[in-house]
N, C-alpha and C. Protein backbone atom coordinates (compact mmCIF):
# COMPACT_ATOMS: atom_id res chain seq x y z
N MET A 1 51.74 -53.50 -115.23
CA MET A 1 50.65 -54.06 -114.50
C MET A 1 50.33 -53.13 -113.32
N LYS A 2 49.07 -52.80 -113.18
CA LYS A 2 48.61 -51.88 -112.14
C LYS A 2 48.15 -52.69 -110.93
N THR A 3 48.58 -52.27 -109.73
CA THR A 3 48.14 -52.96 -108.51
C THR A 3 47.21 -52.04 -107.74
N GLU A 4 46.21 -52.63 -107.13
CA GLU A 4 45.27 -51.86 -106.31
C GLU A 4 45.84 -51.69 -104.91
N GLY A 5 45.60 -50.52 -104.32
CA GLY A 5 46.01 -50.30 -102.93
C GLY A 5 45.16 -51.12 -101.98
N LYS A 6 45.77 -51.63 -100.98
CA LYS A 6 45.03 -52.40 -99.97
C LYS A 6 44.38 -51.46 -98.98
N LYS A 7 43.22 -51.83 -98.53
CA LYS A 7 42.54 -51.06 -97.50
C LYS A 7 42.78 -51.75 -96.16
N THR A 8 43.18 -50.96 -95.20
CA THR A 8 43.42 -51.51 -93.86
C THR A 8 42.65 -50.68 -92.85
N GLY A 9 42.54 -51.19 -91.68
CA GLY A 9 41.87 -50.47 -90.61
C GLY A 9 42.28 -51.05 -89.26
N SER A 10 42.08 -50.28 -88.26
CA SER A 10 42.36 -50.76 -86.91
C SER A 10 41.40 -50.08 -85.95
N ARG A 11 41.36 -50.60 -84.77
CA ARG A 11 40.41 -50.07 -83.79
C ARG A 11 41.01 -50.20 -82.39
N CYS A 12 40.83 -49.20 -81.60
CA CYS A 12 41.28 -49.23 -80.20
C CYS A 12 40.04 -49.08 -79.32
N VAL A 13 39.83 -50.03 -78.45
CA VAL A 13 38.66 -50.01 -77.57
C VAL A 13 39.14 -50.01 -76.12
N THR A 14 38.69 -49.04 -75.38
CA THR A 14 39.00 -48.99 -73.96
C THR A 14 37.77 -49.44 -73.19
N GLU A 15 37.96 -50.44 -72.38
CA GLU A 15 36.83 -50.95 -71.60
C GLU A 15 36.70 -50.17 -70.30
N LEU A 16 35.50 -49.85 -69.96
CA LEU A 16 35.21 -49.13 -68.73
C LEU A 16 34.91 -50.12 -67.62
N ALA A 17 35.59 -49.97 -66.53
CA ALA A 17 35.32 -50.82 -65.36
C ALA A 17 34.71 -49.93 -64.28
N GLU A 18 33.65 -50.40 -63.68
CA GLU A 18 32.99 -49.63 -62.63
C GLU A 18 32.90 -50.45 -61.36
N GLY A 19 32.98 -49.78 -60.24
CA GLY A 19 32.85 -50.46 -58.96
C GLY A 19 32.43 -49.48 -57.89
N THR A 20 31.98 -50.00 -56.80
CA THR A 20 31.57 -49.19 -55.65
C THR A 20 32.20 -49.78 -54.40
N HIS A 21 32.70 -48.93 -53.55
CA HIS A 21 33.26 -49.39 -52.28
C HIS A 21 32.74 -48.48 -51.17
N ALA A 22 32.11 -49.06 -50.18
CA ALA A 22 31.62 -48.29 -49.03
C ALA A 22 32.64 -48.43 -47.91
N PHE A 23 33.14 -47.32 -47.42
CA PHE A 23 34.11 -47.30 -46.33
C PHE A 23 33.48 -46.55 -45.17
N GLU A 24 33.04 -47.30 -44.18
CA GLU A 24 32.38 -46.70 -43.02
C GLU A 24 33.41 -46.46 -41.93
N ILE A 25 33.46 -45.24 -41.45
CA ILE A 25 34.38 -44.88 -40.37
C ILE A 25 33.55 -44.74 -39.11
N VAL A 26 33.61 -45.75 -38.28
CA VAL A 26 32.84 -45.77 -37.03
C VAL A 26 33.63 -45.01 -35.97
N GLY A 27 32.97 -44.13 -35.26
CA GLY A 27 33.64 -43.34 -34.23
C GLY A 27 34.53 -42.27 -34.82
N TYR A 28 34.01 -41.58 -35.83
CA TYR A 28 34.80 -40.53 -36.50
C TYR A 28 35.40 -39.55 -35.50
N SER A 29 34.61 -39.09 -34.54
CA SER A 29 35.10 -38.08 -33.59
C SER A 29 36.30 -38.60 -32.78
N LEU A 30 36.40 -39.91 -32.61
CA LEU A 30 37.54 -40.48 -31.89
C LEU A 30 38.79 -40.54 -32.77
N LYS A 31 38.61 -40.48 -34.07
CA LYS A 31 39.75 -40.50 -35.00
C LYS A 31 40.39 -39.11 -35.09
N LYS A 32 39.58 -38.08 -34.90
CA LYS A 32 40.10 -36.72 -34.96
C LYS A 32 41.17 -36.58 -33.88
N GLY A 33 42.30 -36.00 -34.24
CA GLY A 33 43.38 -35.82 -33.27
C GLY A 33 44.45 -36.90 -33.35
N ILE A 34 44.38 -37.80 -34.33
CA ILE A 34 45.43 -38.83 -34.44
C ILE A 34 46.72 -38.25 -34.99
N GLY A 35 46.63 -37.05 -35.58
CA GLY A 35 47.84 -36.38 -36.05
C GLY A 35 47.82 -36.09 -37.54
N VAL A 36 48.44 -34.98 -37.89
CA VAL A 36 48.55 -34.57 -39.28
C VAL A 36 49.36 -35.62 -40.04
N GLY A 37 48.87 -36.01 -41.21
CA GLY A 37 49.58 -36.99 -42.04
C GLY A 37 49.29 -38.43 -41.70
N LYS A 38 48.57 -38.67 -40.62
CA LYS A 38 48.22 -40.05 -40.24
C LYS A 38 46.84 -40.37 -40.81
N PHE A 39 46.67 -41.62 -41.23
CA PHE A 39 45.44 -41.98 -41.91
C PHE A 39 44.84 -43.27 -41.40
N VAL A 40 43.57 -43.44 -41.71
CA VAL A 40 42.82 -44.68 -41.49
C VAL A 40 42.56 -45.21 -42.89
N GLN A 41 42.85 -46.47 -43.12
CA GLN A 41 42.74 -47.04 -44.47
C GLN A 41 41.61 -48.05 -44.56
N SER A 42 40.91 -48.01 -45.69
CA SER A 42 39.87 -49.00 -45.97
C SER A 42 40.53 -50.34 -46.28
N GLY A 43 39.70 -51.35 -46.41
CA GLY A 43 40.20 -52.61 -46.93
C GLY A 43 40.56 -52.43 -48.39
N VAL A 44 41.43 -53.27 -48.90
CA VAL A 44 41.82 -53.21 -50.30
C VAL A 44 40.70 -53.84 -51.14
N PHE A 45 40.37 -53.19 -52.25
CA PHE A 45 39.31 -53.68 -53.14
C PHE A 45 39.81 -53.63 -54.58
N ALA A 46 39.22 -54.46 -55.44
CA ALA A 46 39.65 -54.56 -56.83
C ALA A 46 38.61 -53.96 -57.77
N VAL A 47 39.08 -53.13 -58.69
CA VAL A 47 38.26 -52.59 -59.77
C VAL A 47 39.17 -52.42 -60.99
N GLY A 48 38.70 -52.86 -62.14
CA GLY A 48 39.45 -52.66 -63.37
C GLY A 48 40.78 -53.37 -63.42
N GLY A 49 40.89 -54.49 -62.74
CA GLY A 49 42.14 -55.24 -62.77
C GLY A 49 43.23 -54.68 -61.86
N HIS A 50 42.90 -53.69 -61.06
CA HIS A 50 43.86 -53.11 -60.12
C HIS A 50 43.29 -53.16 -58.71
N HIS A 51 44.18 -53.07 -57.74
CA HIS A 51 43.77 -53.05 -56.34
C HIS A 51 43.91 -51.63 -55.81
N TRP A 52 42.91 -51.22 -55.04
CA TRP A 52 42.82 -49.85 -54.54
C TRP A 52 42.48 -49.84 -53.06
N ALA A 53 42.71 -48.71 -52.42
CA ALA A 53 42.27 -48.49 -51.03
C ALA A 53 41.98 -47.00 -50.87
N LEU A 54 41.10 -46.69 -49.96
CA LEU A 54 40.82 -45.30 -49.60
C LEU A 54 41.60 -44.98 -48.34
N ARG A 55 42.24 -43.83 -48.33
CA ARG A 55 42.95 -43.36 -47.13
C ARG A 55 42.28 -42.08 -46.65
N PHE A 56 41.86 -42.11 -45.40
CA PHE A 56 41.15 -41.00 -44.78
C PHE A 56 42.06 -40.36 -43.75
N TYR A 57 42.35 -39.08 -43.93
CA TYR A 57 43.22 -38.32 -43.03
C TYR A 57 42.34 -37.37 -42.22
N PRO A 58 41.96 -37.72 -40.99
CA PRO A 58 41.05 -36.87 -40.21
C PRO A 58 41.64 -35.51 -39.85
N ASP A 59 42.96 -35.41 -39.77
CA ASP A 59 43.62 -34.15 -39.42
C ASP A 59 44.40 -33.56 -40.59
N GLY A 60 44.03 -33.92 -41.80
CA GLY A 60 44.71 -33.40 -42.99
C GLY A 60 46.04 -34.08 -43.23
N ILE A 61 46.63 -33.74 -44.36
CA ILE A 61 47.89 -34.37 -44.75
C ILE A 61 49.09 -33.53 -44.32
N VAL A 62 48.95 -32.22 -44.41
CA VAL A 62 50.03 -31.31 -44.01
C VAL A 62 49.50 -30.31 -42.99
N GLU A 63 50.40 -29.68 -42.30
CA GLU A 63 50.04 -28.75 -41.22
C GLU A 63 49.10 -27.65 -41.70
N ASP A 64 49.30 -27.16 -42.92
CA ASP A 64 48.45 -26.08 -43.45
C ASP A 64 46.99 -26.51 -43.64
N SER A 65 46.74 -27.81 -43.70
CA SER A 65 45.36 -28.29 -43.91
C SER A 65 44.83 -29.09 -42.72
N LYS A 66 45.41 -28.86 -41.55
CA LYS A 66 45.05 -29.67 -40.38
C LYS A 66 43.60 -29.49 -39.92
N ASP A 67 42.94 -28.42 -40.37
CA ASP A 67 41.54 -28.20 -39.99
C ASP A 67 40.56 -28.84 -40.96
N TYR A 68 41.09 -29.55 -41.96
CA TYR A 68 40.25 -30.18 -42.98
C TYR A 68 40.59 -31.67 -43.09
N VAL A 69 39.58 -32.47 -43.35
CA VAL A 69 39.85 -33.88 -43.60
C VAL A 69 40.32 -34.02 -45.05
N ALA A 70 41.01 -35.12 -45.33
CA ALA A 70 41.44 -35.42 -46.69
C ALA A 70 41.16 -36.90 -46.95
N VAL A 71 40.79 -37.20 -48.18
CA VAL A 71 40.56 -38.59 -48.59
C VAL A 71 41.28 -38.79 -49.91
N TYR A 72 42.03 -39.87 -50.01
CA TYR A 72 42.75 -40.19 -51.23
C TYR A 72 42.42 -41.60 -51.68
N LEU A 73 42.35 -41.77 -52.99
CA LEU A 73 42.24 -43.09 -53.59
C LEU A 73 43.66 -43.53 -53.90
N GLU A 74 44.10 -44.60 -53.26
CA GLU A 74 45.48 -45.08 -53.42
C GLU A 74 45.51 -46.33 -54.27
N LEU A 75 46.40 -46.35 -55.26
CA LEU A 75 46.64 -47.54 -56.07
C LEU A 75 47.52 -48.47 -55.25
N MET A 76 47.02 -49.66 -54.97
CA MET A 76 47.74 -50.60 -54.12
C MET A 76 48.42 -51.71 -54.93
N SER A 77 48.08 -51.84 -56.21
CA SER A 77 48.67 -52.89 -57.05
C SER A 77 50.17 -52.66 -57.14
N THR A 78 50.93 -53.71 -56.93
CA THR A 78 52.39 -53.58 -56.99
C THR A 78 52.92 -53.73 -58.41
N ASP A 79 52.08 -54.20 -59.33
CA ASP A 79 52.53 -54.40 -60.71
C ASP A 79 52.26 -53.19 -61.61
N ALA A 80 51.80 -52.08 -61.04
CA ALA A 80 51.52 -50.87 -61.83
C ALA A 80 51.93 -49.64 -61.03
N GLU A 81 52.68 -48.75 -61.69
CA GLU A 81 53.06 -47.50 -61.03
C GLU A 81 51.92 -46.50 -61.03
N GLU A 82 51.09 -46.57 -62.08
CA GLU A 82 49.94 -45.69 -62.17
C GLU A 82 48.85 -46.37 -62.98
N ALA A 83 47.63 -45.93 -62.77
CA ALA A 83 46.48 -46.44 -63.50
C ALA A 83 45.46 -45.31 -63.60
N PRO A 84 45.01 -45.00 -64.80
CA PRO A 84 44.03 -43.92 -64.93
C PRO A 84 42.72 -44.31 -64.26
N ALA A 85 42.12 -43.36 -63.58
CA ALA A 85 40.85 -43.63 -62.90
C ALA A 85 40.07 -42.34 -62.75
N ALA A 86 38.77 -42.44 -62.86
CA ALA A 86 37.87 -41.33 -62.54
C ALA A 86 36.99 -41.83 -61.41
N TYR A 87 36.80 -41.02 -60.40
CA TYR A 87 36.06 -41.51 -59.24
C TYR A 87 35.27 -40.39 -58.58
N SER A 88 34.27 -40.80 -57.83
CA SER A 88 33.45 -39.87 -57.05
C SER A 88 33.48 -40.32 -55.60
N LEU A 89 33.57 -39.37 -54.71
CA LEU A 89 33.52 -39.66 -53.28
C LEU A 89 32.33 -38.93 -52.70
N GLY A 90 31.58 -39.60 -51.87
CA GLY A 90 30.46 -38.98 -51.19
C GLY A 90 30.55 -39.26 -49.70
N PHE A 91 30.11 -38.32 -48.90
CA PHE A 91 30.19 -38.45 -47.45
C PHE A 91 28.80 -38.33 -46.86
N VAL A 92 28.51 -39.18 -45.90
CA VAL A 92 27.20 -39.16 -45.25
C VAL A 92 27.39 -39.16 -43.74
N ASN A 93 26.69 -38.28 -43.07
CA ASN A 93 26.66 -38.28 -41.61
C ASN A 93 25.68 -39.37 -41.20
N ARG A 94 26.16 -40.44 -40.60
CA ARG A 94 25.31 -41.58 -40.26
C ARG A 94 24.26 -41.25 -39.20
N THR A 95 24.49 -40.22 -38.41
CA THR A 95 23.52 -39.83 -37.39
C THR A 95 22.28 -39.22 -38.02
N THR A 96 22.50 -38.31 -38.97
CA THR A 96 21.38 -37.61 -39.60
C THR A 96 21.00 -38.20 -40.96
N LEU A 97 21.90 -39.01 -41.52
CA LEU A 97 21.76 -39.56 -42.87
C LEU A 97 21.74 -38.47 -43.94
N TRP A 98 22.21 -37.29 -43.61
CA TRP A 98 22.32 -36.20 -44.58
C TRP A 98 23.74 -36.19 -45.13
N PRO A 99 23.88 -35.85 -46.39
CA PRO A 99 25.24 -35.69 -46.91
C PRO A 99 25.94 -34.57 -46.14
N LYS A 100 27.11 -34.85 -45.63
CA LYS A 100 27.86 -33.84 -44.88
C LYS A 100 28.65 -32.95 -45.83
N ILE A 101 29.16 -33.56 -46.87
CA ILE A 101 29.92 -32.83 -47.88
C ILE A 101 29.39 -33.27 -49.24
N HIS A 102 29.31 -32.36 -50.16
CA HIS A 102 28.85 -32.72 -51.50
C HIS A 102 29.84 -33.69 -52.15
N LYS A 103 29.35 -34.43 -53.11
CA LYS A 103 30.22 -35.38 -53.81
C LYS A 103 31.39 -34.66 -54.45
N VAL A 104 32.52 -35.32 -54.42
CA VAL A 104 33.74 -34.80 -55.03
C VAL A 104 34.05 -35.69 -56.22
N HIS A 105 34.25 -35.10 -57.38
CA HIS A 105 34.60 -35.86 -58.58
C HIS A 105 36.06 -35.56 -58.91
N ALA A 106 36.81 -36.58 -59.21
CA ALA A 106 38.22 -36.37 -59.51
C ALA A 106 38.69 -37.40 -60.53
N GLU A 107 39.79 -37.09 -61.17
CA GLU A 107 40.44 -38.04 -62.07
C GLU A 107 41.85 -38.25 -61.58
N LYS A 108 42.28 -39.48 -61.67
CA LYS A 108 43.61 -39.84 -61.19
C LYS A 108 44.39 -40.41 -62.34
């Protein structure tokens, strides 16, 4: 007796979650000089089932970068060690309303 092979299939779908968070730093010039490695943090926000925050380092993270600002997207969720994310950061000078730095695109 001949048996027919069964046909099977499966599918993996990754859902895309999108969100926007505006982090306004009032008195930026007063933040400069707080020290290398010290940061100002945004409020925690949720996107894609995870909690995130932006950390702004006005004097850089390490001594070698003290003349540059740094911004990091931090995963704040305690139930995940890592979460894949693609994000864009844009900076605007509120006085002139001109972009001060071009958008930065990164993947985490």
